[in-house]
Amino acid sequence: MSDDRTDFEICRLCHQAAVVFGLPENGDCNDGHPEGVGSYRMGADIDAVVDPHLRVHGLDGLRIADASIMPSITSGNTNAPVVAIAEKASDLIRGAAP
């Protein structure tokens, strides 16, 4: 598979990883609802799916940069926090200083 994957293909990879690692899946790739918040927990411990650099444990070249890494849903719209996560992911990928 090429490195030019669609959002849907990447989403399917995340679902497949959830199955392989015995983790809960976060719903349909196209639903856009906030139910996915917290489904791919970030952290350095063994139960975390994503490390602090947003890399999926056990899968090279895959990062998750969406609301699913947030520990809980925000009281407001999730758009701004997800944009901040995406900006941080961009910095991490480019190797930019925080």
PDB file of N, CA and C in Angstrom:
ATOM      1  N   MET A   1       0.847  -1.174   0.000  1.00  0.00           N
ATOM      2  CA  MET A   1       0.000   0.000   0.000  1.00  0.00           C
ATOM      3  C   MET A   1       0.894   1.239   0.000  1.00  0.00           C
ATOM      4  N   SER A   2       0.496   2.232  -0.739  1.00  0.00           N
ATOM      5  CA  SER A   2       1.302   3.448  -0.815  1.00  0.00           C
ATOM      6  C   SER A   2       1.164   4.262   0.459  1.00  0.00           C
ATOM      7  N   ASP A   3       2.013   5.280   0.589  1.00  0.00           N
ATOM      8  CA  ASP A   3       1.932   6.169   1.746  1.00  0.00           C
ATOM      9  C   ASP A   3       0.801   7.190   1.611  1.00  0.00           C
ATOM     10  N   ASP A   4       0.143   7.220   0.468  1.00  0.00           N
ATOM     11  CA  ASP A   4      -0.957   8.157   0.234  1.00  0.00           C
ATOM     12  C   ASP A   4      -2.281   7.488   0.571  1.00  0.00           C
ATOM     13  N   ARG A   5      -2.510   7.252   1.848  1.00  0.00           N
ATOM     14  CA  ARG A   5      -3.720   6.579   2.284  1.00  0.00           C
ATOM     15  C   ARG A   5      -4.834   7.589   2.522  1.00  0.00           C
ATOM     16  N   THR A   6      -6.044   7.160   2.262  1.00  0.00           N
ATOM     17  CA  THR A   6      -7.194   8.015   2.521  1.00  0.00           C
ATOM     18  C   THR A   6      -7.495   8.013   4.013  1.00  0.00           C
ATOM     19  N   ASP A   7      -8.290   8.983   4.452  1.00  0.00           N
ATOM     20  CA  ASP A   7      -8.707   9.023   5.852  1.00  0.00           C
ATOM     21  C   ASP A   7      -9.416   7.728   6.232  1.00  0.00           C
ATOM     22  N   PHE A   8     -10.244   7.224   5.314  1.00  0.00           N
ATOM     23  CA  PHE A   8     -10.979   5.997   5.605  1.00  0.00           C
ATOM     24  C   PHE A   8     -10.023   4.830   5.796  1.00  0.00           C
ATOM     25  N   GLU A   9      -8.996   4.713   4.945  1.00  0.00           N
ATOM     26  CA  GLU A   9      -8.027   3.625   5.075  1.00  0.00           C
ATOM     27  C   GLU A   9      -7.287   3.709   6.409  1.00  0.00           C
ATOM     28  N   ILE A  10      -6.918   4.912   6.805  1.00  0.00           N
ATOM     29  CA  ILE A  10      -6.230   5.105   8.086  1.00  0.00           C
ATOM     30  C   ILE A  10      -7.156   4.741   9.237  1.00  0.00           C
ATOM     31  N   CYS A  11      -8.419   5.141   9.130  1.00  0.00           N
ATOM     32  CA  CYS A  11      -9.399   4.805  10.162  1.00  0.00           C
ATOM     33  C   CYS A  11      -9.546   3.294  10.282  1.00  0.00           C
ATOM     34  N   ARG A  12      -9.615   2.604   9.150  1.00  0.00           N
ATOM     35  CA  ARG A  12      -9.729   1.147   9.173  1.00  0.00           C
ATOM     36  C   ARG A  12      -8.503   0.521   9.840  1.00  0.00           C
ATOM     37  N   LEU A  13      -7.306   1.080   9.583  1.00  0.00           N
ATOM     38  CA  LEU A  13      -6.101   0.574  10.248  1.00  0.00           C
ATOM     39  C   LEU A  13      -6.221   0.700  11.761  1.00  0.00           C
ATOM     40  N   CYS A  14      -6.754   1.820  12.220  1.00  0.00           N
ATOM     41  CA  CYS A  14      -6.933   2.019  13.665  1.00  0.00           C
ATOM     42  C   CYS A  14      -7.900   0.995  14.231  1.00  0.00           C
ATOM     43  N   HIS A  15      -8.990   0.731  13.494  1.00  0.00           N
ATOM     44  CA  HIS A  15      -9.951  -0.271  13.945  1.00  0.00           C
ATOM     45  C   HIS A  15      -9.304  -1.653  13.988  1.00  0.00           C
ATOM     46  N   GLN A  16      -8.506  -1.973  12.967  1.00  0.00           N
ATOM     47  CA  GLN A  16      -7.827  -3.263  12.943  1.00  0.00           C
ATOM     48  C   GLN A  16      -6.837  -3.382  14.102  1.00  0.00           C
ATOM     49  N   ALA A  17      -6.134  -2.289  14.394  1.00  0.00           N
ATOM     50  CA  ALA A  17      -5.204  -2.297  15.526  1.00  0.00           C
ATOM     51  C   ALA A  17      -5.966  -2.517  16.828  1.00  0.00           C
ATOM     52  N   ALA A  18      -7.139  -1.906  16.956  1.00  0.00           N
ATOM     53  CA  ALA A  18      -7.947  -2.086  18.160  1.00  0.00           C
ATOM     54  C   ALA A  18      -8.319  -3.550  18.336  1.00  0.00           C
ATOM     55  N   VAL A  19      -8.675  -4.206  17.244  1.00  0.00           N
ATOM     56  CA  VAL A  19      -9.033  -5.621  17.313  1.00  0.00           C
ATOM     57  C   VAL A  19      -7.815  -6.453  17.707  1.00  0.00           C
ATOM     58  N   VAL A  20      -6.675  -6.197  17.064  1.00  0.00           N
ATOM     59  CA  VAL A  20      -5.454  -6.955  17.340  1.00  0.00           C
ATOM     60  C   VAL A  20      -5.039  -6.821  18.801  1.00  0.00           C
ATOM     61  N   PHE A  21      -5.120  -5.599  19.337  1.00  0.00           N
ATOM     62  CA  PHE A  21      -4.689  -5.355  20.710  1.00  0.00           C
ATOM     63  C   PHE A  21      -5.806  -5.558  21.726  1.00  0.00           C
ATOM     64  N   GLY A  22      -6.996  -5.987  21.265  1.00  0.00           N
ATOM     65  CA  GLY A  22      -8.105  -6.250  22.169  1.00  0.00           C
ATOM     66  C   GLY A  22      -8.672  -4.997  22.802  1.00  0.00           C
ATOM     67  N   LEU A  23      -8.646  -3.877  22.071  1.00  0.00           N
ATOM     68  CA  LEU A  23      -9.137  -2.608  22.593  1.00  0.00           C
ATOM     69  C   LEU A  23     -10.521  -2.313  22.040  1.00  0.00           C
ATOM     70  N   PRO A  24     -11.296  -1.478  22.717  1.00  0.00           N
ATOM     71  CA  PRO A  24     -12.616  -1.143  22.187  1.00  0.00           C
ATOM     72  C   PRO A  24     -12.482  -0.308  20.921  1.00  0.00           C
ATOM     73  N   GLU A  25     -13.331  -0.593  19.949  1.00  0.00           N
ATOM     74  CA  GLU A  25     -13.341   0.229  18.742  1.00  0.00           C
ATOM     75  C   GLU A  25     -14.190   1.465  19.017  1.00  0.00           C
ATOM     76  N   ASN A  26     -13.945   2.535  18.246  1.00  0.00           N
ATOM     77  CA  ASN A  26     -14.651   3.782  18.542  1.00  0.00           C
ATOM     78  C   ASN A  26     -15.760   4.091  17.558  1.00  0.00           C
ATOM     79  N   GLY A  27     -16.398   3.096  16.999  1.00  0.00           N
ATOM     80  CA  GLY A  27     -17.548   3.338  16.145  1.00  0.00           C
ATOM     81  C   GLY A  27     -17.186   3.418  14.677  1.00  0.00           C
ATOM     82  N   ASP A  28     -18.147   3.835  13.901  1.00  0.00           N
ATOM     83  CA  ASP A  28     -18.006   3.927  12.448  1.00  0.00           C
ATOM     84  C   ASP A  28     -17.048   5.047  12.066  1.00  0.00           C
ATOM     85  N   CYS A  29     -16.255   4.811  11.051  1.00  0.00           N
ATOM     86  CA  CYS A  29     -15.267   5.801  10.613  1.00  0.00           C
ATOM     87  C   CYS A  29     -15.903   7.071  10.076  1.00  0.00           C
ATOM     88  N   ASN A  30     -17.152   7.018   9.692  1.00  0.00           N
ATOM     89  CA  ASN A  30     -17.770   8.168   9.046  1.00  0.00           C
ATOM     90  C   ASN A  30     -18.827   8.864   9.886  1.00  0.00           C
ATOM     91  N   ASP A  31     -19.013   8.456  11.136  1.00  0.00           N
ATOM     92  CA  ASP A  31     -20.139   9.012  11.886  1.00  0.00           C
ATOM     93  C   ASP A  31     -19.890  10.412  12.429  1.00  0.00           C
ATOM     94  N   GLY A  32     -18.650  10.777  12.738  1.00  0.00           N
ATOM     95  CA  GLY A  32     -18.338  12.131  13.179  1.00  0.00           C
ATOM     96  C   GLY A  32     -18.866  12.499  14.548  1.00  0.00           C
ATOM     97  N   HIS A  33     -19.337  11.555  15.328  1.00  0.00           N
ATOM     98  CA  HIS A  33     -19.874  11.856  16.650  1.00  0.00           C
ATOM     99  C   HIS A  33     -18.779  11.751  17.700  1.00  0.00           C
ATOM    100  N   PRO A  34     -18.924  12.466  18.823  1.00  0.00           N
ATOM    101  CA  PRO A  34     -17.879  12.493  19.845  1.00  0.00           C
ATOM    102  C   PRO A  34     -17.755  11.228  20.671  1.00  0.00           C
ATOM    103  N   GLU A  35     -18.466  10.162  20.323  1.00  0.00           N
ATOM    104  CA  GLU A  35     -18.380   8.935  21.112  1.00  0.00           C
ATOM    105  C   GLU A  35     -16.985   8.333  21.102  1.00  0.00           C
ATOM    106  N   GLY A  36     -16.144   8.717  20.137  1.00  0.00           N
ATOM    107  CA  GLY A  36     -14.799   8.182  20.039  1.00  0.00           C
ATOM    108  C   GLY A  36     -13.820   8.800  21.011  1.00  0.00           C
ATOM    109  N   VAL A  37     -14.229   9.823  21.743  1.00  0.00           N
ATOM    110  CA  VAL A  37     -13.319  10.478  22.675  1.00  0.00           C
ATOM    111  C   VAL A  37     -12.870   9.477  23.732  1.00  0.00           C
ATOM    112  N   GLY A  38     -11.558   9.388  23.902  1.00  0.00           N
ATOM    113  CA  GLY A  38     -10.994   8.508  24.911  1.00  0.00           C
ATOM    114  C   GLY A  38     -10.830   7.061  24.491  1.00  0.00           C
ATOM    115  N   SER A  39     -11.167   6.707  23.240  1.00  0.00           N
ATOM    116  CA  SER A  39     -11.070   5.312  22.847  1.00  0.00           C
ATOM    117  C   SER A  39      -9.654   4.827  22.589  1.00  0.00           C
ATOM    118  N   TYR A  40      -8.739   5.715  22.226  1.00  0.00           N
ATOM    119  CA  TYR A  40      -7.340   5.343  21.996  1.00  0.00           C
ATOM    120  C   TYR A  40      -6.474   6.147  22.962  1.00  0.00           C
ATOM    121  N   ARG A  41      -6.516   5.747  24.226  1.00  0.00           N
ATOM    122  CA  ARG A  41      -5.877   6.502  25.297  1.00  0.00           C
ATOM    123  C   ARG A  41      -4.400   6.751  25.055  1.00  0.00           C
ATOM    124  N   MET A  42      -3.958   7.978  25.370  1.00  0.00           N
ATOM    125  CA  MET A  42      -2.561   8.366  25.231  1.00  0.00           C
ATOM    126  C   MET A  42      -1.858   8.201  26.572  1.00  0.00           C
ATOM    127  N   GLY A  43      -0.605   7.767  26.527  1.00  0.00           N
ATOM    128  CA  GLY A  43       0.194   7.646  27.734  1.00  0.00           C
ATOM    129  C   GLY A  43       1.408   6.774  27.510  1.00  0.00           C
ATOM    130  N   ALA A  44       2.209   6.648  28.543  1.00  0.00           N
ATOM    131  CA  ALA A  44       3.435   5.853  28.449  1.00  0.00           C
ATOM    132  C   ALA A  44       3.248   4.460  29.050  1.00  0.00           C
ATOM    133  N   ASP A  45       2.123   4.204  29.708  1.00  0.00           N
ATOM    134  CA  ASP A  45       1.920   2.911  30.364  1.00  0.00           C
ATOM    135  C   ASP A  45       1.465   1.843  29.377  1.00  0.00           C
ATOM    136  N   ILE A  46       1.399   0.615  29.828  1.00  0.00           N
ATOM    137  CA  ILE A  46       1.101  -0.542  28.986  1.00  0.00           C
ATOM    138  C   ILE A  46      -0.314  -0.510  28.422  1.00  0.00           C
ATOM    139  N   ASP A  47      -1.250   0.120  29.100  1.00  0.00           N
ATOM    140  CA  ASP A  47      -2.637   0.159  28.636  1.00  0.00           C
ATOM    141  C   ASP A  47      -2.892   1.256  27.600  1.00  0.00           C
ATOM    142  N   ALA A  48      -1.946   2.146  27.430  1.00  0.00           N
ATOM    143  CA  ALA A  48      -2.125   3.242  26.474  1.00  0.00           C
ATOM    144  C   ALA A  48      -1.966   2.741  25.045  1.00  0.00           C
ATOM    145  N   VAL A  49      -2.728   3.305  24.134  1.00  0.00           N
ATOM    146  CA  VAL A  49      -2.660   2.946  22.717  1.00  0.00           C
ATOM    147  C   VAL A  49      -1.665   3.844  21.993  1.00  0.00           C
ATOM    148  N   VAL A  50      -1.590   5.103  22.432  1.00  0.00           N
ATOM    149  CA  VAL A  50      -0.772   6.109  21.759  1.00  0.00           C
ATOM    150  C   VAL A  50       0.242   6.669  22.754  1.00  0.00           C
ATOM    151  N   ASP A  51       1.485   6.849  22.318  1.00  0.00           N
ATOM    152  CA  ASP A  51       2.497   7.432  23.204  1.00  0.00           C
ATOM    153  C   ASP A  51       2.374   8.967  23.196  1.00  0.00           C
ATOM    154  N   PRO A  52       3.120   9.671  24.053  1.00  0.00           N
ATOM    155  CA  PRO A  52       3.011  11.134  24.108  1.00  0.00           C
ATOM    156  C   PRO A  52       3.374  11.851  22.804  1.00  0.00           C
ATOM    157  N   HIS A  53       3.965  11.123  21.852  1.00  0.00           N
ATOM    158  CA  HIS A  53       4.270  11.708  20.540  1.00  0.00           C
ATOM    159  C   HIS A  53       3.223  11.304  19.512  1.00  0.00           C
ATOM    160  N   LEU A  54       2.084  10.794  19.992  1.00  0.00           N
ATOM    161  CA  LEU A  54       0.925  10.417  19.185  1.00  0.00           C
ATOM    162  C   LEU A  54       1.159   9.198  18.304  1.00  0.00           C
ATOM    163  N   ARG A  55       2.240   8.450  18.557  1.00  0.00           N
ATOM    164  CA  ARG A  55       2.535   7.240  17.786  1.00  0.00           C
ATOM    165  C   ARG A  55       1.792   6.054  18.386  1.00  0.00           C
ATOM    166  N   VAL A  56       1.200   5.236  17.520  1.00  0.00           N
ATOM    167  CA  VAL A  56       0.488   4.043  17.975  1.00  0.00           C
ATOM    168  C   VAL A  56       1.510   2.995  18.385  1.00  0.00           C
ATOM    169  N   HIS A  57       1.375   2.489  19.618  1.00  0.00           N
ATOM    170  CA  HIS A  57       2.278   1.453  20.108  1.00  0.00           C
ATOM    171  C   HIS A  57       2.178   0.219  19.214  1.00  0.00           C
ATOM    172  N   GLY A  58       3.317  -0.290  18.771  1.00  0.00           N
ATOM    173  CA  GLY A  58       3.358  -1.515  17.996  1.00  0.00           C
ATOM    174  C   GLY A  58       3.143  -1.368  16.505  1.00  0.00           C
ATOM    175  N   LEU A  59       2.861  -0.165  16.030  1.00  0.00           N
ATOM    176  CA  LEU A  59       2.658   0.052  14.593  1.00  0.00           C
ATOM    177  C   LEU A  59       3.555   1.189  14.137  1.00  0.00           C
ATOM    178  N   ASP A  60       4.546   0.871  13.342  1.00  0.00           N
ATOM    179  CA  ASP A  60       5.465   1.900  12.846  1.00  0.00           C
ATOM    180  C   ASP A  60       4.775   2.795  11.824  1.00  0.00           C
ATOM    181  N   GLY A  61       5.036   4.091  11.918  1.00  0.00           N
ATOM    182  CA  GLY A  61       4.559   5.039  10.920  1.00  0.00           C
ATOM    183  C   GLY A  61       3.105   5.443  11.062  1.00  0.00           C
ATOM    184  N   LEU A  62       2.454   5.126  12.178  1.00  0.00           N
ATOM    185  CA  LEU A  62       1.052   5.505  12.356  1.00  0.00           C
ATOM    186  C   LEU A  62       0.910   6.340  13.616  1.00  0.00           C
ATOM    187  N   ARG A  63       0.299   7.499  13.459  1.00  0.00           N
ATOM    188  CA  ARG A  63      -0.016   8.369  14.594  1.00  0.00           C
ATOM    189  C   ARG A  63      -1.508   8.619  14.605  1.00  0.00           C
ATOM    190  N   ILE A  64      -2.039   8.900  15.781  1.00  0.00           N
ATOM    191  CA  ILE A  64      -3.446   9.266  15.901  1.00  0.00           C
ATOM    192  C   ILE A  64      -3.500  10.696  16.402  1.00  0.00           C
ATOM    193  N   ALA A  65      -4.173  11.542  15.650  1.00  0.00           N
ATOM    194  CA  ALA A  65      -4.265  12.964  16.004  1.00  0.00           C
ATOM    195  C   ALA A  65      -5.715  13.420  15.882  1.00  0.00           C
ATOM    196  N   ASP A  66      -6.563  12.875  16.734  1.00  0.00           N
ATOM    197  CA  ASP A  66      -7.962  13.273  16.746  1.00  0.00           C
ATOM    198  C   ASP A  66      -8.508  13.191  18.167  1.00  0.00           C
ATOM    199  N   ALA A  67      -9.799  13.334  18.319  1.00  0.00           N
ATOM    200  CA  ALA A  67     -10.414  13.374  19.649  1.00  0.00           C
ATOM    201  C   ALA A  67     -10.317  12.049  20.390  1.00  0.00           C
ATOM    202  N   SER A  68     -10.013  10.966  19.701  1.00  0.00           N
ATOM    203  CA  SER A  68      -9.976   9.672  20.374  1.00  0.00           C
ATOM    204  C   SER A  68      -8.850   9.570  21.401  1.00  0.00           C
ATOM    205  N   ILE A  69      -7.833  10.438  21.315  1.00  0.00           N
ATOM    206  CA  ILE A  69      -6.750  10.390  22.306  1.00  0.00           C
ATOM    207  C   ILE A  69      -7.049  11.243  23.537  1.00  0.00           C
ATOM    208  N   MET A  70      -8.107  12.046  23.472  1.00  0.00           N
ATOM    209  CA  MET A  70      -8.471  12.892  24.613  1.00  0.00           C
ATOM    210  C   MET A  70      -9.017  11.999  25.733  1.00  0.00           C
ATOM    211  N   PRO A  71      -8.626  12.255  26.984  1.00  0.00           N
ATOM    212  CA  PRO A  71      -9.079  11.387  28.080  1.00  0.00           C
ATOM    213  C   PRO A  71     -10.577  11.477  28.358  1.00  0.00           C
ATOM    214  N   SER A  72     -11.167  12.613  28.076  1.00  0.00           N
ATOM    215  CA  SER A  72     -12.616  12.782  28.251  1.00  0.00           C
ATOM    216  C   SER A  72     -13.094  13.877  27.318  1.00  0.00           C
ATOM    217  N   ILE A  73     -14.387  13.888  27.065  1.00  0.00           N
ATOM    218  CA  ILE A  73     -14.948  14.885  26.151  1.00  0.00           C
ATOM    219  C   ILE A  73     -14.941  16.259  26.819  1.00  0.00           C
ATOM    220  N   THR A  74     -14.697  17.277  26.032  1.00  0.00           N
ATOM    221  CA  THR A  74     -14.694  18.638  26.562  1.00  0.00           C
ATOM    222  C   THR A  74     -16.119  19.106  26.802  1.00  0.00           C
ATOM    223  N   SER A  75     -16.277  20.163  27.582  1.00  0.00           N
ATOM    224  CA  SER A  75     -17.626  20.676  27.830  1.00  0.00           C
ATOM    225  C   SER A  75     -18.161  21.457  26.642  1.00  0.00           C
ATOM    226  N   GLY A  76     -17.276  21.864  25.751  1.00  0.00           N
ATOM    227  CA  GLY A  76     -17.699  22.588  24.555  1.00  0.00           C
ATOM    228  C   GLY A  76     -17.464  21.750  23.312  1.00  0.00           C
ATOM    229  N   ASN A  77     -17.480  22.413  22.189  1.00  0.00           N
ATOM    230  CA  ASN A  77     -17.240  21.752  20.915  1.00  0.00           C
ATOM    231  C   ASN A  77     -15.830  21.164  20.889  1.00  0.00           C
ATOM    232  N   THR A  78     -15.669  19.999  20.277  1.00  0.00           N
ATOM    233  CA  THR A  78     -14.361  19.349  20.220  1.00  0.00           C
ATOM    234  C   THR A  78     -13.477  19.876  19.089  1.00  0.00           C
ATOM    235  N   ASN A  79     -13.991  20.761  18.254  1.00  0.00           N
ATOM    236  CA  ASN A  79     -13.232  21.238  17.097  1.00  0.00           C
ATOM    237  C   ASN A  79     -11.907  21.889  17.490  1.00  0.00           C
ATOM    238  N   ALA A  80     -11.929  22.876  18.379  1.00  0.00           N
ATOM    239  CA  ALA A  80     -10.699  23.592  18.743  1.00  0.00           C
ATOM    240  C   ALA A  80      -9.660  22.667  19.397  1.00  0.00           C
ATOM    241  N   PRO A  81     -10.047  21.803  20.346  1.00  0.00           N
ATOM    242  CA  PRO A  81      -9.050  20.892  20.901  1.00  0.00           C
ATOM    243  C   PRO A  81      -8.455  19.947  19.849  1.00  0.00           C
ATOM    244  N   VAL A  82      -9.262  19.494  18.910  1.00  0.00           N
ATOM    245  CA  VAL A  82      -8.753  18.603  17.864  1.00  0.00           C
ATOM    246  C   VAL A  82      -7.801  19.355  16.941  1.00  0.00           C
ATOM    247  N   VAL A  83      -8.103  20.612  16.645  1.00  0.00           N
ATOM    248  CA  VAL A  83      -7.184  21.426  15.837  1.00  0.00           C
ATOM    249  C   VAL A  83      -5.856  21.584  16.575  1.00  0.00           C
ATOM    250  N   ALA A  84      -5.906  21.798  17.885  1.00  0.00           N
ATOM    251  CA  ALA A  84      -4.671  21.918  18.677  1.00  0.00           C
ATOM    252  C   ALA A  84      -3.883  20.604  18.656  1.00  0.00           C
ATOM    253  N   ILE A  85      -4.572  19.484  18.762  1.00  0.00           N
ATOM    254  CA  ILE A  85      -3.908  18.181  18.683  1.00  0.00           C
ATOM    255  C   ILE A  85      -3.255  18.013  17.316  1.00  0.00           C
ATOM    256  N   ALA A  86      -3.959  18.407  16.267  1.00  0.00           N
ATOM    257  CA  ALA A  86      -3.421  18.288  14.904  1.00  0.00           C
ATOM    258  C   ALA A  86      -2.199  19.184  14.711  1.00  0.00           C
ATOM    259  N   GLU A  87      -2.249  20.389  15.256  1.00  0.00           N
ATOM    260  CA  GLU A  87      -1.092  21.295  15.173  1.00  0.00           C
ATOM    261  C   GLU A  87       0.109  20.691  15.896  1.00  0.00           C
ATOM    262  N   LYS A  88      -0.133  20.107  17.070  1.00  0.00           N
ATOM    263  CA  LYS A  88       0.942  19.449  17.816  1.00  0.00           C
ATOM    264  C   LYS A  88       1.494  18.270  17.029  1.00  0.00           C
ATOM    265  N   ALA A  89       0.619  17.497  16.414  1.00  0.00           N
ATOM    266  CA  ALA A  89       1.055  16.359  15.591  1.00  0.00           C
ATOM    267  C   ALA A  89       1.925  16.841  14.442  1.00  0.00           C
ATOM    268  N   SER A  90       1.535  17.936  13.830  1.00  0.00           N
ATOM    269  CA  SER A  90       2.316  18.510  12.737  1.00  0.00           C
ATOM    270  C   SER A  90       3.718  18.871  13.224  1.00  0.00           C
ATOM    271  N   ASP A  91       3.798  19.515  14.380  1.00  0.00           N
ATOM    272  CA  ASP A  91       5.102  19.875  14.959  1.00  0.00           C
ATOM    273  C   ASP A  91       5.935  18.625  15.247  1.00  0.00           C
ATOM    274  N   LEU A  92       5.296  17.592  15.798  1.00  0.00           N
ATOM    275  CA  LEU A  92       6.024  16.365  16.118  1.00  0.00           C
ATOM    276  C   LEU A  92       6.549  15.685  14.862  1.00  0.00           C
ATOM    277  N   ILE A  93       5.736  15.646  13.833  1.00  0.00           N
ATOM    278  CA  ILE A  93       6.140  15.000  12.579  1.00  0.00           C
ATOM    279  C   ILE A  93       7.283  15.758  11.920  1.00  0.00           C
ATOM    280  N   ARG A  94       7.184  17.082  11.933  1.00  0.00           N
ATOM    281  CA  ARG A  94       8.233  17.907  11.316  1.00  0.00           C
ATOM    282  C   ARG A  94       9.482  18.006  12.183  1.00  0.00           C
ATOM    283  N   GLY A  95       9.365  17.612  13.451  1.00  0.00           N
ATOM    284  CA  GLY A  95      10.503  17.708  14.361  1.00  0.00           C
ATOM    285  C   GLY A  95      10.721  19.112  14.873  1.00  0.00           C
ATOM    286  N   ALA A  96       9.684  19.941  14.819  1.00  0.00           N
ATOM    287  CA  ALA A  96       9.791  21.323  15.286  1.00  0.00           C
ATOM    288  C   ALA A  96       9.817  21.377  16.819  1.00  0.00           C
ATOM    289  N   ALA A  97      10.469  22.399  17.324  1.00  0.00           N
ATOM    290  CA  ALA A  97      10.514  22.609  18.774  1.00  0.00           C
ATOM    291  C   ALA A  97       9.115  22.983  19.259  1.00  0.00           C
ATOM    292  N   PRO A  98       8.746  22.561  20.479  1.00  0.00           N
ATOM    293  CA  PRO A  98       7.421  22.894  21.007  1.00  0.00           C
ATOM    294  C   PRO A  98       7.236  24.380  21.229  1.00  0.00           C
TER     295      PRO A  98
END
